[in-house]
Amino acid sequence: MNDTQKVGEALDAYFEKYGLGKDGGLDKPWGKVKVGSFYIPIPNPESRKRALVFHDIHHLVTGYSAEWKGEFSISAWEIGSGCNDYYAAWVLDLGLMALGIWIYPKMVFKEFVRGLRSRNLYHYLLTPQQAKQMTIAELRSFLEIKSPGNENPTTKEKIAFVKWWFISWVFSFVFFLLPLPLIGFAVWHLTSH
């Protein structure tokens, strides 16, 4: 990826590289998440489509890949920089951040702090069309995204991380884990009668 490239052009290359389709999957009823060498289908409601354009642009300006490690990074970064009223982003990012903390704890912490020190497009700073007309370097500068570094986190940033770590786990338990026994019971009940 070239920093002088327009975001719109870079998005097209990003979609092609990761097999996401012409518009990144915005026109499809189901999205897909890559796990290893295969894809898991996920629902693609309007709320996800609304967030997806900015999420993909965030991948470009932060430099995170669309592989698992990059998804953990972008989730922590987006939680750190805030998802505003993009509820699908909150749901997906909190779930991935909770999981990422167990797999890559130092990286998730570092990217969360990087997010705290940045701005993102979920805050209505630009429309998707405006962002696509900028170069990657211009947009990165506009969003105040610094290169990943080893700056020492402040006490306030550490406290914010612990707070969001706790929220991500409570949310993941309630939203993802708690319903599993209920679904299992419902399936058992329906198939046993």
C-alpha atoms as a PDB file:
ATOM      1  CA  MET A   1       0.000   0.000   0.000  1.00  0.00           C
ATOM      2  CA  ASN A   2       1.306   3.407  -0.984  1.00  0.00           C
ATOM      3  CA  ASP A   3       0.665   6.334   1.386  1.00  0.00           C
ATOM      4  CA  THR A   4       0.191   8.680  -1.583  1.00  0.00           C
ATOM      5  CA  GLN A   5      -2.540   6.463  -3.020  1.00  0.00           C
ATOM      6  CA  LYS A   6      -6.138   7.659  -2.767  1.00  0.00           C
ATOM      7  CA  VAL A   7      -8.125   5.801  -0.112  1.00  0.00           C
ATOM      8  CA  GLY A   8     -10.770   4.805  -2.691  1.00  0.00           C
ATOM      9  CA  GLU A   9      -8.159   3.139  -4.910  1.00  0.00           C
ATOM     10  CA  ALA A  10      -6.521   1.461  -1.932  1.00  0.00           C
ATOM     11  CA  LEU A  11      -9.920   0.117  -0.833  1.00  0.00           C
ATOM     12  CA  ASP A  12     -10.429  -1.554  -4.214  1.00  0.00           C
ATOM     13  CA  ALA A  13      -7.034  -3.274  -3.894  1.00  0.00           C
ATOM     14  CA  TYR A  14      -7.806  -4.230  -0.259  1.00  0.00           C
ATOM     15  CA  PHE A  15     -11.146  -5.795  -1.269  1.00  0.00           C
ATOM     16  CA  GLU A  16      -9.450  -7.774  -4.025  1.00  0.00           C
ATOM     17  CA  LYS A  17      -6.544  -8.899  -1.807  1.00  0.00           C
ATOM     18  CA  TYR A  18      -8.882 -10.303   0.843  1.00  0.00           C
ATOM     19  CA  GLY A  19     -11.543 -11.636  -1.553  1.00  0.00           C
ATOM     20  CA  LEU A  20     -14.246  -9.336  -0.196  1.00  0.00           C
ATOM     21  CA  GLY A  21     -15.916  -8.472  -3.499  1.00  0.00           C
ATOM     22  CA  LYS A  22     -16.188  -5.225  -5.426  1.00  0.00           C
ATOM     23  CA  ASP A  23     -17.602  -3.119  -2.588  1.00  0.00           C
ATOM     24  CA  GLY A  24     -16.319  -5.146   0.354  1.00  0.00           C
ATOM     25  CA  GLY A  25     -19.559  -7.080   0.692  1.00  0.00           C
ATOM     26  CA  LEU A  26     -21.941  -4.175   1.196  1.00  0.00           C
ATOM     27  CA  ASP A  27     -24.388  -5.582  -1.347  1.00  0.00           C
ATOM     28  CA  LYS A  28     -24.578  -9.050   0.205  1.00  0.00           C
ATOM     29  CA  PRO A  29     -27.018 -10.304   2.880  1.00  0.00           C
ATOM     30  CA  TRP A  30     -24.175 -12.232   4.545  1.00  0.00           C
ATOM     31  CA  GLY A  31     -20.658 -11.107   5.371  1.00  0.00           C
ATOM     32  CA  LYS A  32     -17.694 -13.368   5.939  1.00  0.00           C
ATOM     33  CA  VAL A  33     -14.915 -13.564   8.463  1.00  0.00           C
ATOM     34  CA  LYS A  34     -11.736 -15.395   7.504  1.00  0.00           C
ATOM     35  CA  VAL A  35     -10.543 -18.018   9.979  1.00  0.00           C
ATOM     36  CA  GLY A  36      -7.377 -19.715   8.774  1.00  0.00           C
ATOM     37  CA  SER A  37      -8.009 -20.723   5.187  1.00  0.00           C
ATOM     38  CA  PHE A  38     -11.816 -20.705   5.311  1.00  0.00           C
ATOM     39  CA  TYR A  39     -14.578 -18.140   5.850  1.00  0.00           C
ATOM     40  CA  ILE A  40     -17.343 -18.107   8.468  1.00  0.00           C
ATOM     41  CA  PRO A  41     -20.576 -16.454   7.296  1.00  0.00           C
ATOM     42  CA  ILE A  42     -22.040 -13.746   9.529  1.00  0.00           C
ATOM     43  CA  PRO A  43     -25.259 -11.758   9.103  1.00  0.00           C
ATOM     44  CA  ASN A  44     -24.807  -8.482   7.242  1.00  0.00           C
ATOM     45  CA  PRO A  45     -27.603  -6.189   8.499  1.00  0.00           C
ATOM     46  CA  GLU A  46     -27.763  -2.496   7.612  1.00  0.00           C
ATOM     47  CA  SER A  47     -26.052  -1.555  10.898  1.00  0.00           C
ATOM     48  CA  ARG A  48     -22.999  -3.648   9.954  1.00  0.00           C
ATOM     49  CA  LYS A  49     -22.958  -2.277   6.406  1.00  0.00           C
ATOM     50  CA  ARG A  50     -23.078   1.270   7.807  1.00  0.00           C
ATOM     51  CA  ALA A  51     -19.979   0.628   9.933  1.00  0.00           C
ATOM     52  CA  LEU A  52     -18.152  -1.571   7.420  1.00  0.00           C
ATOM     53  CA  VAL A  53     -17.080   1.206   5.049  1.00  0.00           C
ATOM     54  CA  PHE A  54     -15.361   3.127   7.833  1.00  0.00           C
ATOM     55  CA  HIS A  55     -13.993  -0.079   9.381  1.00  0.00           C
ATOM     56  CA  ASP A  56     -12.283  -1.019   6.109  1.00  0.00           C
ATOM     57  CA  ILE A  57     -10.880   2.499   5.718  1.00  0.00           C
ATOM     58  CA  HIS A  58      -9.574   2.256   9.286  1.00  0.00           C
ATOM     59  CA  HIS A  59      -7.677  -0.896   8.267  1.00  0.00           C
ATOM     60  CA  LEU A  60      -5.927   1.103   5.547  1.00  0.00           C
ATOM     61  CA  VAL A  61      -4.928   4.109   7.647  1.00  0.00           C
ATOM     62  CA  THR A  62      -3.780   2.079  10.653  1.00  0.00           C
ATOM     63  CA  GLY A  63      -1.958  -0.532   8.575  1.00  0.00           C
ATOM     64  CA  TYR A  64      -3.713  -3.504  10.200  1.00  0.00           C
ATOM     65  CA  SER A  65      -4.369  -6.506   7.965  1.00  0.00           C
ATOM     66  CA  ALA A  66      -7.725  -8.236   7.571  1.00  0.00           C
ATOM     67  CA  GLU A  67      -6.275 -11.434   9.042  1.00  0.00           C
ATOM     68  CA  TRP A  68      -7.043 -12.474  12.632  1.00  0.00           C
ATOM     69  CA  LYS A  69      -4.193 -10.554  14.255  1.00  0.00           C
ATOM     70  CA  GLY A  70      -5.130  -7.435  12.304  1.00  0.00           C
ATOM     71  CA  GLU A  71      -8.797  -7.810  13.294  1.00  0.00           C
ATOM     72  CA  PHE A  72      -7.831  -8.012  16.965  1.00  0.00           C
ATOM     73  CA  SER A  73      -5.694  -4.894  16.483  1.00  0.00           C
ATOM     74  CA  ILE A  74      -8.358  -2.871  14.679  1.00  0.00           C
ATOM     75  CA  SER A  75     -10.973  -3.868  17.249  1.00  0.00           C
ATOM     76  CA  ALA A  76      -8.832  -2.631  20.126  1.00  0.00           C
ATOM     77  CA  TRP A  77      -7.974   0.531  18.182  1.00  0.00           C
ATOM     78  CA  GLU A  78     -11.629   1.263  17.367  1.00  0.00           C
ATOM     79  CA  ILE A  79     -12.700   0.697  20.982  1.00  0.00           C
ATOM     80  CA  GLY A  80      -9.900   3.022  22.108  1.00  0.00           C
ATOM     81  CA  SER A  81     -10.864   5.723  19.623  1.00  0.00           C
ATOM     82  CA  GLY A  82     -14.612   5.132  20.146  1.00  0.00           C
ATOM     83  CA  CYS A  83     -17.400   3.757  17.963  1.00  0.00           C
ATOM     84  CA  ASN A  84     -19.951   6.530  18.655  1.00  0.00           C
ATOM     85  CA  ASP A  85     -23.416   5.293  17.566  1.00  0.00           C
ATOM     86  CA  TYR A  86     -22.153   2.525  15.270  1.00  0.00           C
ATOM     87  CA  TYR A  87     -23.649  -0.311  17.322  1.00  0.00           C
ATOM     88  CA  ALA A  88     -22.512  -3.104  15.019  1.00  0.00           C
ATOM     89  CA  ALA A  89     -18.940  -1.844  15.449  1.00  0.00           C
ATOM     90  CA  TRP A  90     -19.308  -1.915  19.239  1.00  0.00           C
ATOM     91  CA  VAL A  91     -20.682  -5.479  19.148  1.00  0.00           C
ATOM     92  CA  LEU A  92     -18.007  -6.896  16.856  1.00  0.00           C
ATOM     93  CA  ASP A  93     -15.130  -4.894  18.335  1.00  0.00           C
ATOM     94  CA  LEU A  94     -15.954  -5.726  21.958  1.00  0.00           C
ATOM     95  CA  GLY A  95     -16.207  -9.427  21.124  1.00  0.00           C
ATOM     96  CA  LEU A  96     -12.906  -9.473  19.248  1.00  0.00           C
ATOM     97  CA  MET A  97     -11.157  -7.326  21.850  1.00  0.00           C
ATOM     98  CA  ALA A  98     -12.248  -9.736  24.613  1.00  0.00           C
ATOM     99  CA  LEU A  99     -10.863 -12.691  22.656  1.00  0.00           C
ATOM    100  CA  GLY A 100      -7.752 -10.830  21.521  1.00  0.00           C
ATOM    101  CA  ILE A 101      -6.774  -9.997  25.099  1.00  0.00           C
ATOM    102  CA  TRP A 102      -6.263 -13.709  25.758  1.00  0.00           C
ATOM    103  CA  ILE A 103      -4.319 -14.396  22.568  1.00  0.00           C
ATOM    104  CA  TYR A 104      -2.276 -11.189  22.076  1.00  0.00           C
ATOM    105  CA  PRO A 105      -2.597  -9.223  25.340  1.00  0.00           C
ATOM    106  CA  LYS A 106       0.357  -6.865  24.832  1.00  0.00           C
ATOM    107  CA  MET A 107      -0.607  -6.091  21.249  1.00  0.00           C
ATOM    108  CA  VAL A 108      -4.269  -5.461  22.126  1.00  0.00           C
ATOM    109  CA  PHE A 109      -3.214  -3.123  24.936  1.00  0.00           C
ATOM    110  CA  LYS A 110      -0.791  -1.249  22.660  1.00  0.00           C
ATOM    111  CA  GLU A 111      -3.370  -0.831  19.877  1.00  0.00           C
ATOM    112  CA  PHE A 112      -6.055   0.257  22.349  1.00  0.00           C
ATOM    113  CA  VAL A 113      -3.722   3.011  23.604  1.00  0.00           C
ATOM    114  CA  ARG A 114      -2.942   3.967  20.001  1.00  0.00           C
ATOM    115  CA  GLY A 115      -6.707   4.314  19.500  1.00  0.00           C
ATOM    116  CA  LEU A 116      -7.055   6.517  22.577  1.00  0.00           C
ATOM    117  CA  ARG A 117      -4.525   8.849  20.994  1.00  0.00           C
ATOM    118  CA  SER A 118      -6.312   8.918  17.597  1.00  0.00           C
ATOM    119  CA  ARG A 119      -9.608   9.927  16.072  1.00  0.00           C
ATOM    120  CA  ASN A 120     -11.707   7.774  13.766  1.00  0.00           C
ATOM    121  CA  LEU A 121     -14.393   8.093  11.122  1.00  0.00           C
ATOM    122  CA  TYR A 122     -17.216   6.808  13.338  1.00  0.00           C
ATOM    123  CA  HIS A 123     -17.439  10.338  14.748  1.00  0.00           C
ATOM    124  CA  TYR A 124     -18.855  11.931  11.568  1.00  0.00           C
ATOM    125  CA  LEU A 125     -15.648  13.752  10.757  1.00  0.00           C
ATOM    126  CA  LEU A 126     -15.968  12.935   7.043  1.00  0.00           C
ATOM    127  CA  THR A 127     -18.372  11.123   4.762  1.00  0.00           C
ATOM    128  CA  PRO A 128     -17.128   7.920   3.122  1.00  0.00           C
ATOM    129  CA  GLN A 129     -16.879   9.802  -0.187  1.00  0.00           C
ATOM    130  CA  GLN A 130     -14.749  12.568   1.362  1.00  0.00           C
ATOM    131  CA  ALA A 131     -12.436  10.026   3.002  1.00  0.00           C
ATOM    132  CA  LYS A 132     -12.037   8.102  -0.276  1.00  0.00           C
ATOM    133  CA  GLN A 133     -10.842  11.244  -2.062  1.00  0.00           C
ATOM    134  CA  MET A 134      -7.962  11.781   0.380  1.00  0.00           C
ATOM    135  CA  THR A 135      -4.639   9.990   0.223  1.00  0.00           C
ATOM    136  CA  ILE A 136      -3.878   7.466   2.921  1.00  0.00           C
ATOM    137  CA  ALA A 137      -1.236   9.819   4.363  1.00  0.00           C
ATOM    138  CA  GLU A 138      -3.649  12.784   4.388  1.00  0.00           C
ATOM    139  CA  LEU A 139      -6.365  10.799   6.132  1.00  0.00           C
ATOM    140  CA  ARG A 140      -3.922   9.295   8.618  1.00  0.00           C
ATOM    141  CA  SER A 141      -2.733  12.816   9.464  1.00  0.00           C
ATOM    142  CA  PHE A 142      -6.315  14.136   9.665  1.00  0.00           C
ATOM    143  CA  LEU A 143      -7.200  11.361  12.137  1.00  0.00           C
ATOM    144  CA  GLU A 144      -3.995  11.993  14.106  1.00  0.00           C
ATOM    145  CA  ILE A 145      -2.879   8.387  13.758  1.00  0.00           C
ATOM    146  CA  LYS A 146       0.736   8.009  14.744  1.00  0.00           C
ATOM    147  CA  SER A 147       2.968   5.119  13.751  1.00  0.00           C
ATOM    148  CA  PRO A 148       2.913   2.315  16.287  1.00  0.00           C
ATOM    149  CA  GLY A 149       5.537   3.085  18.850  1.00  0.00           C
ATOM    150  CA  ASN A 150       6.666   2.263  22.299  1.00  0.00           C
ATOM    151  CA  GLU A 151       5.382   5.370  24.048  1.00  0.00           C
ATOM    152  CA  ASN A 152       4.761   4.751  27.710  1.00  0.00           C
ATOM    153  CA  PRO A 153       1.050   4.580  28.486  1.00  0.00           C
ATOM    154  CA  THR A 154      -0.225   6.952  31.128  1.00  0.00           C
ATOM    155  CA  THR A 155      -2.013   5.825  34.267  1.00  0.00           C
ATOM    156  CA  LYS A 156      -5.247   7.200  32.795  1.00  0.00           C
ATOM    157  CA  GLU A 157      -4.748   5.081  29.643  1.00  0.00           C
ATOM    158  CA  LYS A 158      -4.061   1.958  31.734  1.00  0.00           C
ATOM    159  CA  ILE A 159      -7.231   2.548  33.750  1.00  0.00           C
ATOM    160  CA  ALA A 160      -9.230   3.058  30.531  1.00  0.00           C
ATOM    161  CA  PHE A 161      -7.892  -0.242  29.192  1.00  0.00           C
ATOM    162  CA  VAL A 162      -8.861  -2.150  32.349  1.00  0.00           C
ATOM    163  CA  LYS A 163     -12.335  -0.588  32.187  1.00  0.00           C
ATOM    164  CA  TRP A 164     -12.822  -1.607  28.531  1.00  0.00           C
ATOM    165  CA  TRP A 165     -11.288  -5.044  29.154  1.00  0.00           C
ATOM    166  CA  PHE A 166     -13.916  -5.605  31.846  1.00  0.00           C
ATOM    167  CA  ILE A 167     -16.731  -4.232  29.656  1.00  0.00           C
ATOM    168  CA  SER A 168     -15.626  -6.422  26.725  1.00  0.00           C
ATOM    169  CA  TRP A 169     -15.740  -9.558  28.853  1.00  0.00           C
ATOM    170  CA  VAL A 170     -19.087  -8.794  30.474  1.00  0.00           C
ATOM    171  CA  PHE A 171     -20.526  -7.896  27.075  1.00  0.00           C
ATOM    172  CA  SER A 172     -19.117 -11.029  25.427  1.00  0.00           C
ATOM    173  CA  PHE A 173     -20.488 -13.223  28.186  1.00  0.00           C
ATOM    174  CA  VAL A 174     -23.974 -11.720  28.000  1.00  0.00           C
ATOM    175  CA  PHE A 175     -24.158 -11.318  24.233  1.00  0.00           C
ATOM    176  CA  PHE A 176     -22.303 -14.407  22.993  1.00  0.00           C
ATOM    177  CA  LEU A 177     -21.846 -17.021  25.733  1.00  0.00           C
ATOM    178  CA  LEU A 178     -24.999 -16.765  27.836  1.00  0.00           C
ATOM    179  CA  PRO A 179     -27.339 -17.438  24.874  1.00  0.00           C
ATOM    180  CA  LEU A 180     -25.531 -20.686  23.909  1.00  0.00           C
ATOM    181  CA  PRO A 181     -27.202 -22.890  26.566  1.00  0.00           C
ATOM    182  CA  LEU A 182     -30.578 -21.312  25.724  1.00  0.00           C
ATOM    183  CA  ILE A 183     -30.104 -22.035  22.039  1.00  0.00           C
ATOM    184  CA  GLY A 184     -28.956 -25.571  22.857  1.00  0.00           C
ATOM    185  CA  PHE A 185     -32.013 -26.128  25.042  1.00  0.00           C
ATOM    186  CA  ALA A 186     -34.333 -24.745  22.351  1.00  0.00           C
ATOM    187  CA  VAL A 187     -32.810 -27.006  19.688  1.00  0.00           C
ATOM    188  CA  TRP A 188     -32.982 -30.026  21.997  1.00  0.00           C
ATOM    189  CA  HIS A 189     -36.566 -29.221  22.928  1.00  0.00           C
ATOM    190  CA  LEU A 190     -37.664 -28.779  19.301  1.00  0.00           C
ATOM    191  CA  THR A 191     -35.937 -31.940  18.077  1.00  0.00           C
ATOM    192  CA  SER A 192     -36.992 -34.170  20.986  1.00  0.00           C
ATOM    193  CA  HIS A 193     -40.738 -33.610  20.580  1.00  0.00           C
END
